[in-house]
Amino acid sequence: MKASRFSYARPDTLEEALALMADEGAEPMALAGGQSLMPMMNFRVARPGILVDLNRIPGLSGIDAAGDAVRIGAMTRYRELAASDVVAKHLPLVAAALPHIAHAAIRNRGTIGGSMALADPAAELPAVALAMGATMHLVSANGTRDVAADDFFLGAYDTALKPGELVAGVSFPAAGTLDRFGFHEIVRRHGDYAMAGVAVACAGGSVRVAFFAVGDGAMRCRPAEEALGTDFSGIDAAVPALSELEVSGDLNGDEATKRHLAGVALRRAVAEATA
């Protein structure tokens, strides 16, 4: 199929882009890497009236470690994250997830901000953001605001972004020397959409477990977090606690299969975190 008719704009400044995004009547959509949006347009799942290309705007990419956090600009490509010494040192859970994202060609263009804004239920980085307690930095013509990952992801392709808003960046807490992380996803072939996956973090005395590809979006399972404990010794109790997880079946399996795969992924992620 082909995309429905649309207009195209490539602003040179963020102010110009925000002005275009503020015109709700024009039905604007932002274009970052386009690795998800363009196929969605071709299948006419997405039908923007005007496509606002963010690729020419300066200042929307970059990796900045300051204090106890690392801020990543929304237009930062996956390949830039994978090559970053800052990410490898301070964000080991992000580093662990990156090789699992599609294929090299996708990682060359795909952006972290695009992944967060799309909120694909099978995407890795939204779950990583939940597990790490990340903060989304949003901007619009009316100003800026910060939204915690827990409040940002609302469901399948649904976020707390308001009309006219863009993701400007994401901040992750920098890992401490005693923090532990694990990541695992189950796929039929490397690069395929995950059948089930999980990101696990024990940082600052708090345990967070975030699943993806098992339901309507990235989601935490607090009963599993409580059962797991900060030393991860409660894994045998955490897996049964996944009965509280809001799982939904898809082409990769029914609800029972998905819940089983979630448990397998959790055990493997915890084994990685405690290795």
Protein backbone atom coordinates (compact mmCIF):
# COMPACT_ATOMS: atom_id res chain seq x y z
CA MET A 1 0.00 0.00 0.00
CA LYS A 2 0.94 3.66 -0.19
CA ALA A 3 0.54 6.42 2.35
CA SER A 4 -2.47 8.69 2.10
CA ARG A 5 -1.82 12.23 0.84
CA PHE A 6 0.08 14.46 3.27
CA SER A 7 2.08 17.69 3.39
CA TYR A 8 5.71 17.78 4.44
CA ALA A 9 7.69 20.35 6.43
CA ARG A 10 11.34 20.32 7.45
CA PRO A 11 11.81 23.16 9.95
CA ASP A 12 15.26 24.47 10.82
CA THR A 13 14.48 25.39 14.44
CA LEU A 14 12.60 23.86 17.33
CA GLU A 15 10.37 26.95 17.51
CA GLU A 16 9.26 26.40 13.92
CA ALA A 17 8.57 22.74 14.57
CA LEU A 18 6.52 23.49 17.69
CA ALA A 19 4.48 26.07 15.82
CA LEU A 20 3.64 23.45 13.19
CA MET A 21 2.82 20.86 15.84
CA ALA A 22 0.53 23.33 17.63
CA ASP A 23 -1.83 23.50 14.64
CA GLU A 24 -4.14 20.61 15.54
CA GLY A 25 -6.36 21.28 12.53
CA ALA A 26 -3.46 20.41 10.23
CA GLU A 27 -3.19 16.98 11.88
CA PRO A 28 0.60 17.12 12.34
CA MET A 29 2.83 14.17 13.18
CA ALA A 30 6.52 14.35 14.01
CA LEU A 31 9.09 12.41 11.99
CA ALA A 32 12.24 11.34 13.83
CA GLY A 33 13.94 8.18 12.56
CA GLY A 34 10.83 7.05 10.71
CA GLN A 35 11.58 3.35 11.17
CA SER A 36 8.11 2.72 12.61
CA LEU A 37 6.15 5.71 11.34
CA MET A 38 6.82 5.22 7.64
CA PRO A 39 5.55 1.61 7.54
CA MET A 40 2.53 2.67 9.60
CA MET A 41 1.82 5.40 7.05
CA ASN A 42 2.17 2.98 4.16
CA PHE A 43 -0.36 0.67 5.80
CA ARG A 44 -2.50 3.75 6.54
CA VAL A 45 -2.49 3.04 10.25
CA ALA A 46 -1.05 6.56 10.62
CA ARG A 47 -2.50 9.34 8.44
CA PRO A 48 -0.83 12.68 9.19
CA GLY A 49 -2.09 15.81 7.49
CA ILE A 50 1.42 17.23 7.68
CA LEU A 51 4.65 15.43 8.48
CA VAL A 52 7.01 17.56 10.57
CA ASP A 53 10.57 16.34 9.99
CA LEU A 54 12.77 16.97 13.05
CA ASN A 55 16.04 15.86 11.51
CA ARG A 56 17.37 19.32 10.64
CA ILE A 57 16.81 20.82 14.11
CA PRO A 58 19.99 21.29 16.15
CA GLY A 59 20.21 20.48 19.83
CA LEU A 60 17.79 17.55 19.92
CA SER A 61 20.47 14.85 20.08
CA GLY A 62 23.40 14.11 22.34
CA ILE A 63 24.34 12.25 25.50
CA ASP A 64 25.14 14.30 28.60
CA ALA A 65 26.21 12.86 31.95
CA ALA A 66 25.68 15.40 34.71
CA GLY A 67 25.64 14.57 38.40
CA ASP A 68 23.69 11.40 39.08
CA ALA A 69 21.78 11.33 35.79
CA VAL A 70 22.37 10.90 32.07
CA ARG A 71 20.24 12.95 29.70
CA ILE A 72 19.81 11.70 26.15
CA GLY A 73 18.41 13.93 23.43
CA ALA A 74 15.34 12.61 21.68
CA MET A 75 16.97 12.50 18.23
CA THR A 76 19.92 10.42 19.41
CA ARG A 77 20.18 7.31 17.22
CA TYR A 78 20.40 3.82 18.64
CA ARG A 79 23.81 3.38 17.00
CA GLU A 80 25.07 6.46 18.84
CA LEU A 81 23.88 5.00 22.13
CA ALA A 82 25.55 1.68 21.37
CA ALA A 83 28.87 3.42 20.60
CA SER A 84 28.78 5.67 23.68
CA ASP A 85 31.22 5.08 26.53
CA VAL A 86 28.91 7.12 28.76
CA VAL A 87 26.01 4.74 28.12
CA ALA A 88 28.21 1.68 28.61
CA LYS A 89 29.52 3.00 31.94
CA HIS A 90 26.49 4.69 33.47
CA LEU A 91 23.50 3.00 31.79
CA PRO A 92 24.32 -0.73 31.59
CA LEU A 93 20.66 -1.71 31.24
CA VAL A 94 20.25 0.53 28.18
CA ALA A 95 23.46 -0.92 26.76
CA ALA A 96 22.20 -4.47 27.34
CA ALA A 97 18.92 -3.80 25.51
CA LEU A 98 20.32 -2.02 22.43
CA PRO A 99 21.66 -5.07 20.53
CA HIS A 100 18.18 -6.62 20.69
CA ILE A 101 16.51 -3.74 18.84
CA ALA A 102 15.70 -4.93 15.32
CA HIS A 103 18.68 -4.93 12.94
CA ALA A 104 21.68 -2.66 12.30
CA ALA A 105 19.91 -0.78 9.50
CA ILE A 106 17.07 0.10 11.86
CA ARG A 107 19.45 1.09 14.65
CA ASN A 108 21.28 3.42 12.26
CA ARG A 109 18.17 5.61 11.92
CA GLY A 110 15.89 4.83 14.85
CA THR A 111 15.86 7.31 17.74
CA ILE A 112 15.25 6.98 21.45
CA GLY A 113 12.68 9.79 21.42
CA GLY A 114 10.76 8.14 18.61
CA SER A 115 10.63 4.87 20.54
CA MET A 116 9.32 6.57 23.67
CA ALA A 117 6.72 8.62 21.79
CA LEU A 118 5.43 5.64 19.79
CA ALA A 119 5.17 3.31 22.81
CA ASP A 120 5.08 0.13 20.75
CA PRO A 121 4.09 -2.70 23.15
CA ALA A 122 6.99 -4.83 21.84
CA ALA A 123 9.66 -2.11 22.07
CA GLU A 124 12.61 -2.61 24.40
CA LEU A 125 13.48 0.93 25.50
CA PRO A 126 10.11 1.92 27.02
CA ALA A 127 10.43 -1.09 29.36
CA VAL A 128 14.02 -0.11 30.15
CA ALA A 129 12.82 3.42 30.95
CA LEU A 130 10.20 2.01 33.33
CA ALA A 131 12.69 -0.31 35.01
CA MET A 132 15.18 2.51 35.54
CA GLY A 133 12.65 5.12 36.63
CA ALA A 134 13.49 7.45 33.74
CA THR A 135 12.02 10.91 33.18
CA MET A 136 10.64 12.18 29.87
CA HIS A 137 11.35 15.81 29.00
CA LEU A 138 8.49 17.18 26.91
CA VAL A 139 8.29 20.46 25.03
CA SER A 140 5.53 22.38 23.25
CA ALA A 141 4.78 25.91 22.16
CA ASN A 142 3.41 26.46 25.67
CA GLY A 143 6.60 25.46 27.48
CA THR A 144 8.24 22.38 28.93
CA ARG A 145 7.33 19.73 31.45
CA ASP A 146 8.83 16.54 32.87
CA VAL A 147 6.88 13.30 33.19
CA ALA A 148 8.05 10.17 35.00
CA ALA A 149 8.10 7.00 32.91
CA ASP A 150 5.53 5.48 35.28
CA ASP A 151 3.08 8.20 34.26
CA PHE A 152 4.12 8.50 30.62
CA PHE A 153 3.27 5.09 29.16
CA LEU A 154 -0.50 4.61 29.18
CA GLY A 155 -1.03 1.62 26.88
CA ALA A 156 -0.49 0.38 23.34
CA TYR A 157 0.76 3.34 21.27
CA ASP A 158 -0.63 5.63 23.97
CA THR A 159 1.37 8.08 26.07
CA ALA A 160 0.91 11.19 28.18
CA LEU A 161 1.97 13.40 25.26
CA LYS A 162 -0.53 16.19 24.73
CA PRO A 163 -1.41 17.60 21.29
CA GLY A 164 1.47 19.73 20.08
CA GLU A 165 4.04 18.18 22.43
CA LEU A 166 7.30 16.52 21.46
CA VAL A 167 9.70 14.35 23.43
CA ALA A 168 12.81 16.51 23.73
CA GLY A 169 14.88 14.08 25.76
CA VAL A 170 15.01 11.32 28.34
CA SER A 171 16.92 11.31 31.62
CA PHE A 172 18.04 8.07 33.27
CA PRO A 173 19.49 7.74 36.77
CA ALA A 174 23.17 6.84 36.48
CA ALA A 175 23.96 3.37 37.79
CA GLY A 176 25.77 3.06 41.11
CA THR A 177 28.53 0.58 41.79
CA LEU A 178 26.20 -1.69 43.81
CA ASP A 179 23.25 -1.50 41.44
CA ARG A 180 22.33 -4.59 39.43
CA PHE A 181 20.50 -4.97 36.15
CA GLY A 182 19.22 -7.74 33.92
CA PHE A 183 17.59 -7.84 30.51
CA HIS A 184 16.19 -10.71 28.49
CA GLU A 185 13.83 -11.12 25.58
CA ILE A 186 12.50 -14.22 23.84
CA VAL A 187 12.33 -14.07 20.05
CA ARG A 188 11.94 -16.58 17.24
CA ARG A 189 14.88 -15.00 15.37
CA HIS A 190 17.22 -12.22 16.39
CA GLY A 191 15.82 -8.92 15.19
CA ASP A 192 12.20 -10.08 15.19
CA TYR A 193 9.60 -8.52 17.46
CA ALA A 194 9.91 -10.05 20.91
CA MET A 195 7.46 -12.70 22.07
CA ALA A 196 8.14 -11.64 25.65
CA GLY A 197 10.80 -9.60 27.39
CA VAL A 198 11.72 -8.01 30.69
CA ALA A 199 14.07 -5.42 32.16
CA VAL A 200 15.06 -5.78 35.82
CA ALA A 201 16.76 -3.16 37.96
CA CYS A 202 17.84 -3.04 41.59
CA ALA A 203 19.07 0.49 42.18
CA GLY A 204 19.15 2.61 45.30
CA GLY A 205 17.55 -0.18 47.33
CA SER A 206 14.51 -0.33 45.04
CA VAL A 207 13.57 -3.19 42.71
CA ARG A 208 11.73 -2.49 39.46
CA VAL A 209 10.60 -5.11 36.95
CA ALA A 210 9.18 -3.99 33.59
CA PHE A 211 7.82 -6.32 30.91
CA PHE A 212 7.25 -5.73 27.20
CA ALA A 213 5.66 -7.70 24.36
CA VAL A 214 3.28 -9.49 26.72
CA GLY A 215 0.38 -7.03 26.88
CA ASP A 216 -0.83 -3.61 25.79
CA GLY A 217 2.46 -1.89 26.45
CA ALA A 218 5.49 -1.70 28.69
CA MET A 219 4.32 -2.43 32.22
CA ARG A 220 5.68 -3.00 35.70
CA CYS A 221 4.63 -5.92 37.87
CA ARG A 222 4.75 -4.68 41.45
CA PRO A 223 3.80 -8.02 43.07
CA ALA A 224 6.80 -9.58 41.33
CA GLU A 225 9.00 -6.69 42.47
CA GLU A 226 7.95 -7.19 46.09
CA ALA A 227 8.46 -10.95 45.91
CA LEU A 228 11.85 -10.66 44.23
CA GLY A 229 13.52 -8.62 46.96
CA THR A 230 16.62 -6.47 46.68
CA ASP A 231 18.91 -9.50 46.66
CA PHE A 232 16.80 -11.21 43.98
CA SER A 233 16.50 -14.28 46.21
CA GLY A 234 12.73 -14.38 45.82
CA ILE A 235 12.67 -15.43 42.19
CA ASP A 236 10.71 -18.60 42.96
CA ALA A 237 7.97 -16.45 44.49
CA ALA A 238 8.22 -13.71 41.88
CA VAL A 239 7.32 -15.97 38.94
CA PRO A 240 3.95 -17.05 40.43
CA ALA A 241 3.30 -13.37 41.20
CA LEU A 242 3.09 -12.81 37.44
CA SER A 243 -0.50 -14.01 37.72
CA GLU A 244 -1.18 -10.32 38.45
CA LEU A 245 0.38 -9.24 35.14
CA GLU A 246 -2.15 -7.91 32.60
CA VAL A 247 -1.22 -10.25 29.77
CA SER A 248 -2.94 -10.43 26.38
CA GLY A 249 -2.54 -13.00 23.64
CA ASP A 250 -1.34 -12.25 20.12
CA LEU A 251 0.02 -14.07 17.07
CA ASN A 252 2.90 -15.39 19.18
CA GLY A 253 0.73 -17.11 21.76
CA ASP A 254 -2.34 -17.02 23.96
CA GLU A 255 -2.42 -15.53 27.45
CA ALA A 256 -1.13 -18.70 29.14
CA THR A 257 1.79 -18.91 26.73
CA LYS A 258 2.64 -15.25 27.21
CA ARG A 259 2.57 -15.54 30.99
CA HIS A 260 4.82 -18.59 30.84
CA LEU A 261 7.29 -16.80 28.56
CA ALA A 262 7.26 -13.80 30.89
CA GLY A 263 8.31 -16.08 33.73
CA VAL A 264 11.08 -17.64 31.66
CA ALA A 265 12.37 -14.21 30.67
CA LEU A 266 12.27 -13.02 34.29
CA ARG A 267 14.30 -15.99 35.53
CA ARG A 268 16.92 -15.42 32.84
CA ALA A 269 17.12 -11.67 33.45
CA VAL A 270 17.58 -12.24 37.19
CA ALA A 271 20.28 -14.82 36.49
CA GLU A 272 22.05 -12.21 34.37
CA ALA A 273 21.71 -9.59 37.10
CA THR A 274 23.16 -11.88 39.76
CA ALA A 275 25.91 -13.42 37.64
